[in-house]
Amino acid sequence: MIEKSELDDFRAELKRMGYNPNDFDVFTGERLGKVTKGIYPLNETVAVHRKSTDVLEEYRGGHGEAWGAKATEDVRAGKFGRP
């Protein structure tokens, strides 16, 4: 689950870079990780989709993952198109 503060931070960065935050959707999903001693860790996938360019990128989410920073780097690098 994405924390509200993470999503707010990502949207603030989009706005700072000149993008419309409403042009981006952020989705989450869960997947099972590698089994270790009978324990099935749950990993989160965070997908960021820019509607106007139809670009979709996926990031690792969950505790200790910096999906927002990685997504922001990709936006800054132009992976989602220009503002």
C-alpha atoms as a PDB file:
ATOM      1  CA  MET A   1       0.000   0.000   0.000  1.00  0.00           C
ATOM      2  CA  ILE A   2       1.287   3.428  -0.919  1.00  0.00           C
ATOM      3  CA  GLU A   3       1.477   5.878   1.937  1.00  0.00           C
ATOM      4  CA  LYS A   4      -0.389   9.126   1.305  1.00  0.00           C
ATOM      5  CA  SER A   5       2.781  11.086   2.066  1.00  0.00           C
ATOM      6  CA  GLU A   6       4.698   9.164  -0.642  1.00  0.00           C
ATOM      7  CA  LEU A   7       2.038   9.928  -3.211  1.00  0.00           C
ATOM      8  CA  ASP A   8       1.863  13.577  -2.119  1.00  0.00           C
ATOM      9  CA  ASP A   9       5.666  13.877  -2.415  1.00  0.00           C
ATOM     10  CA  PHE A  10       5.638  12.352  -5.915  1.00  0.00           C
ATOM     11  CA  ARG A  11       2.852  14.678  -7.078  1.00  0.00           C
ATOM     12  CA  ALA A  12       4.672  17.695  -5.621  1.00  0.00           C
ATOM     13  CA  GLU A  13       7.818  16.729  -7.565  1.00  0.00           C
ATOM     14  CA  LEU A  14       5.785  16.393 -10.763  1.00  0.00           C
ATOM     15  CA  LYS A  15       4.384  19.869 -10.261  1.00  0.00           C
ATOM     16  CA  ARG A  16       7.866  21.302  -9.511  1.00  0.00           C
ATOM     17  CA  MET A  17       9.107  19.862 -12.810  1.00  0.00           C
ATOM     18  CA  GLY A  18       6.241  21.461 -14.743  1.00  0.00           C
ATOM     19  CA  TYR A  19       4.015  18.392 -15.159  1.00  0.00           C
ATOM     20  CA  ASN A  20       0.322  18.199 -14.370  1.00  0.00           C
ATOM     21  CA  PRO A  21       0.019  15.645 -11.532  1.00  0.00           C
ATOM     22  CA  ASN A  22      -3.508  14.811 -12.729  1.00  0.00           C
ATOM     23  CA  ASP A  23      -1.958  13.437 -15.939  1.00  0.00           C
ATOM     24  CA  PHE A  24      -0.394  10.611 -13.909  1.00  0.00           C
ATOM     25  CA  ASP A  25      -2.075   7.584 -12.341  1.00  0.00           C
ATOM     26  CA  VAL A  26      -0.347   5.518  -9.671  1.00  0.00           C
ATOM     27  CA  PHE A  27      -1.439   1.921  -9.089  1.00  0.00           C
ATOM     28  CA  THR A  28      -0.277  -0.771  -6.714  1.00  0.00           C
ATOM     29  CA  GLY A  29      -0.349  -4.531  -6.865  1.00  0.00           C
ATOM     30  CA  GLU A  30       1.089  -7.328  -4.800  1.00  0.00           C
ATOM     31  CA  ARG A  31       3.138 -10.312  -5.875  1.00  0.00           C
ATOM     32  CA  LEU A  32       4.721 -13.169  -3.995  1.00  0.00           C
ATOM     33  CA  GLY A  33       8.443 -12.999  -3.565  1.00  0.00           C
ATOM     34  CA  LYS A  34      10.997 -15.815  -3.373  1.00  0.00           C
ATOM     35  CA  VAL A  35      10.073 -18.473  -0.836  1.00  0.00           C
ATOM     36  CA  THR A  36      12.507 -18.669   2.072  1.00  0.00           C
ATOM     37  CA  LYS A  37      12.039 -21.455   4.639  1.00  0.00           C
ATOM     38  CA  GLY A  38       8.332 -21.693   3.921  1.00  0.00           C
ATOM     39  CA  ILE A  39       7.774 -17.940   4.194  1.00  0.00           C
ATOM     40  CA  TYR A  40       6.188 -16.209   1.231  1.00  0.00           C
ATOM     41  CA  PRO A  41       7.166 -12.529   1.379  1.00  0.00           C
ATOM     42  CA  LEU A  42       4.706 -10.125  -0.172  1.00  0.00           C
ATOM     43  CA  ASN A  43       6.249  -7.565  -2.472  1.00  0.00           C
ATOM     44  CA  GLU A  44       4.474  -4.554  -3.841  1.00  0.00           C
ATOM     45  CA  THR A  45       4.630  -3.265  -7.366  1.00  0.00           C
ATOM     46  CA  VAL A  46       3.916   0.401  -7.983  1.00  0.00           C
ATOM     47  CA  ALA A  47       2.931   1.303 -11.533  1.00  0.00           C
ATOM     48  CA  VAL A  48       3.063   4.891 -12.752  1.00  0.00           C
ATOM     49  CA  HIS A  49       1.077   5.691 -15.900  1.00  0.00           C
ATOM     50  CA  ARG A  50       1.068   8.997 -17.758  1.00  0.00           C
ATOM     51  CA  LYS A  51      -2.265   9.290 -19.512  1.00  0.00           C
ATOM     52  CA  SER A  52      -1.283  11.760 -22.251  1.00  0.00           C
ATOM     53  CA  THR A  53       1.663   9.668 -23.486  1.00  0.00           C
ATOM     54  CA  ASP A  54       0.347   6.232 -22.419  1.00  0.00           C
ATOM     55  CA  VAL A  55       3.729   5.443 -20.852  1.00  0.00           C
ATOM     56  CA  LEU A  56       3.673   2.919 -18.012  1.00  0.00           C
ATOM     57  CA  GLU A  57       6.626   2.090 -15.763  1.00  0.00           C
ATOM     58  CA  GLU A  58       6.731  -0.306 -12.799  1.00  0.00           C
ATOM     59  CA  TYR A  59       8.739   0.067  -9.604  1.00  0.00           C
ATOM     60  CA  ARG A  60       9.323  -2.016  -6.510  1.00  0.00           C
ATOM     61  CA  GLY A  61       7.261  -0.742  -3.639  1.00  0.00           C
ATOM     62  CA  GLY A  62       6.833  -1.614  -0.019  1.00  0.00           C
ATOM     63  CA  HIS A  63       8.903  -1.132   3.079  1.00  0.00           C
ATOM     64  CA  GLY A  64      12.376   0.200   2.360  1.00  0.00           C
ATOM     65  CA  GLU A  65      11.756   0.805  -1.348  1.00  0.00           C
ATOM     66  CA  ALA A  66      12.054   4.271  -2.861  1.00  0.00           C
ATOM     67  CA  TRP A  67       9.595   3.959  -5.737  1.00  0.00           C
ATOM     68  CA  GLY A  68       8.820   7.697  -5.655  1.00  0.00           C
ATOM     69  CA  ALA A  69      12.449   8.736  -6.016  1.00  0.00           C
ATOM     70  CA  LYS A  70      12.995   6.235  -8.832  1.00  0.00           C
ATOM     71  CA  ALA A  71       9.844   7.352 -10.648  1.00  0.00           C
ATOM     72  CA  THR A  72      10.857  10.996 -10.229  1.00  0.00           C
ATOM     73  CA  GLU A  73      14.275  10.212 -11.753  1.00  0.00           C
ATOM     74  CA  ASP A  74      12.547   8.579 -14.735  1.00  0.00           C
ATOM     75  CA  VAL A  75      10.246  11.572 -15.204  1.00  0.00           C
ATOM     76  CA  ARG A  76      13.239  13.913 -15.020  1.00  0.00           C
ATOM     77  CA  ALA A  77      15.096  11.744 -17.571  1.00  0.00           C
ATOM     78  CA  GLY A  78      12.197  12.062 -20.030  1.00  0.00           C
ATOM     79  CA  LYS A  79      10.848   8.505 -19.918  1.00  0.00           C
ATOM     80  CA  PHE A  80       7.292   9.830 -19.604  1.00  0.00           C
ATOM     81  CA  GLY A  81       7.691  12.591 -22.196  1.00  0.00           C
ATOM     82  CA  ARG A  82       8.050  16.330 -21.765  1.00  0.00           C
ATOM     83  CA  PRO A  83       5.861  18.520 -19.525  1.00  0.00           C
END
